[in-house]
Amino acid sequence: LEFFMTHPNQVVSSDYLLDHVWKSDTAMTGAAVRTTVGRLRRKLNDESGPDRIENVHGFGYRFNHS
């Protein structure tokens, strides 16, 4: 969450998140990133508003800071 909040509106890939958030944790995989992002989304999203963390098809994720 801290990474997304310090990089608002920037599209980042799962690999980029692995390199910059979980720097040396070799146990983390792309699937674990998807799971973690999914959990963050459920905690952050308000059903009446837009997704705070959105998928950018073919690229990765973006934290919508509006």
C-alpha atoms as a PDB file:
ATOM      1  CA  LEU A   1       0.000   0.000   0.000  1.00  0.00           C
ATOM      2  CA  GLU A   2       2.816   2.393   0.853  1.00  0.00           C
ATOM      3  CA  PHE A   3       4.403   1.815  -2.548  1.00  0.00           C
ATOM      4  CA  PHE A   4       1.134   2.511  -4.371  1.00  0.00           C
ATOM      5  CA  MET A   5       0.504   5.643  -2.327  1.00  0.00           C
ATOM      6  CA  THR A   6       3.974   7.024  -3.026  1.00  0.00           C
ATOM      7  CA  HIS A   7       3.589   6.279  -6.755  1.00  0.00           C
ATOM      8  CA  PRO A   8       0.039   7.498  -7.491  1.00  0.00           C
ATOM      9  CA  ASN A   9      -1.352   7.025 -10.995  1.00  0.00           C
ATOM     10  CA  GLN A  10       1.821   5.185 -12.080  1.00  0.00           C
ATOM     11  CA  VAL A  11       1.272   1.840 -13.819  1.00  0.00           C
ATOM     12  CA  VAL A  12       3.499  -0.844 -12.312  1.00  0.00           C
ATOM     13  CA  SER A  13       3.903  -4.491 -13.265  1.00  0.00           C
ATOM     14  CA  SER A  14       3.939  -7.471 -10.930  1.00  0.00           C
ATOM     15  CA  ASP A  15       7.658  -7.889 -11.656  1.00  0.00           C
ATOM     16  CA  TYR A  16       8.320  -4.254 -10.775  1.00  0.00           C
ATOM     17  CA  LEU A  17       6.452  -4.690  -7.489  1.00  0.00           C
ATOM     18  CA  LEU A  18       8.430  -7.858  -6.759  1.00  0.00           C
ATOM     19  CA  ASP A  19      11.707  -5.990  -7.330  1.00  0.00           C
ATOM     20  CA  HIS A  20      10.804  -2.835  -5.396  1.00  0.00           C
ATOM     21  CA  VAL A  21       8.555  -4.053  -2.580  1.00  0.00           C
ATOM     22  CA  TRP A  22       9.710  -7.590  -1.835  1.00  0.00           C
ATOM     23  CA  LYS A  23      13.315  -6.886  -2.890  1.00  0.00           C
ATOM     24  CA  SER A  24      15.046 -10.064  -1.781  1.00  0.00           C
ATOM     25  CA  ASP A  25      12.174 -12.370  -0.893  1.00  0.00           C
ATOM     26  CA  THR A  26      12.573 -15.179  -3.402  1.00  0.00           C
ATOM     27  CA  ALA A  27       9.421 -16.869  -2.088  1.00  0.00           C
ATOM     28  CA  MET A  28       7.224 -14.173  -3.638  1.00  0.00           C
ATOM     29  CA  THR A  29       5.804 -14.873  -7.097  1.00  0.00           C
ATOM     30  CA  GLY A  30       3.514 -13.099  -9.519  1.00  0.00           C
ATOM     31  CA  ALA A  31       0.601 -15.082  -8.093  1.00  0.00           C
ATOM     32  CA  ALA A  32       1.434 -13.853  -4.584  1.00  0.00           C
ATOM     33  CA  VAL A  33       1.498 -10.268  -5.875  1.00  0.00           C
ATOM     34  CA  ARG A  34      -1.965 -10.748  -7.433  1.00  0.00           C
ATOM     35  CA  THR A  35      -3.269 -12.161  -4.153  1.00  0.00           C
ATOM     36  CA  THR A  36      -1.798  -9.296  -2.128  1.00  0.00           C
ATOM     37  CA  VAL A  37      -3.157  -6.658  -4.519  1.00  0.00           C
ATOM     38  CA  GLY A  38      -6.573  -8.358  -4.398  1.00  0.00           C
ATOM     39  CA  ARG A  39      -6.603  -8.167  -0.618  1.00  0.00           C
ATOM     40  CA  LEU A  40      -5.631  -4.492  -0.698  1.00  0.00           C
ATOM     41  CA  ARG A  41      -8.419  -3.803  -3.186  1.00  0.00           C
ATOM     42  CA  ARG A  42     -11.056  -5.412  -0.982  1.00  0.00           C
ATOM     43  CA  LYS A  43      -9.906  -3.335   1.982  1.00  0.00           C
ATOM     44  CA  LEU A  44      -9.677  -0.028   0.103  1.00  0.00           C
ATOM     45  CA  ASN A  45     -12.565  -0.060  -2.335  1.00  0.00           C
ATOM     46  CA  ASP A  46     -15.866   1.547  -1.543  1.00  0.00           C
ATOM     47  CA  GLU A  47     -18.719  -0.107  -3.430  1.00  0.00           C
ATOM     48  CA  SER A  48     -20.115   3.274  -4.453  1.00  0.00           C
ATOM     49  CA  GLY A  49     -16.884   4.585  -5.968  1.00  0.00           C
ATOM     50  CA  PRO A  50     -14.237   3.601  -8.493  1.00  0.00           C
ATOM     51  CA  ASP A  51     -11.536   1.033  -7.726  1.00  0.00           C
ATOM     52  CA  ARG A  52      -8.607   2.596  -5.908  1.00  0.00           C
ATOM     53  CA  ILE A  53      -6.257  -0.031  -7.354  1.00  0.00           C
ATOM     54  CA  GLU A  54      -7.103  -0.925 -10.914  1.00  0.00           C
ATOM     55  CA  ASN A  55      -5.790  -3.495 -13.363  1.00  0.00           C
ATOM     56  CA  VAL A  56      -4.238  -2.013 -16.471  1.00  0.00           C
ATOM     57  CA  HIS A  57      -4.711  -4.882 -18.898  1.00  0.00           C
ATOM     58  CA  GLY A  58      -1.407  -6.185 -20.226  1.00  0.00           C
ATOM     59  CA  PHE A  59       0.699  -3.874 -18.020  1.00  0.00           C
ATOM     60  CA  GLY A  60      -0.011  -4.186 -14.305  1.00  0.00           C
ATOM     61  CA  TYR A  61      -1.675  -2.084 -11.637  1.00  0.00           C
ATOM     62  CA  ARG A  62      -2.323   1.584 -10.935  1.00  0.00           C
ATOM     63  CA  PHE A  63      -3.322   3.294  -7.682  1.00  0.00           C
ATOM     64  CA  ASN A  64      -5.946   5.910  -8.517  1.00  0.00           C
ATOM     65  CA  HIS A  65      -5.269   8.908  -6.367  1.00  0.00           C
ATOM     66  CA  SER A  66      -8.027  11.382  -7.082  1.00  0.00           C
END
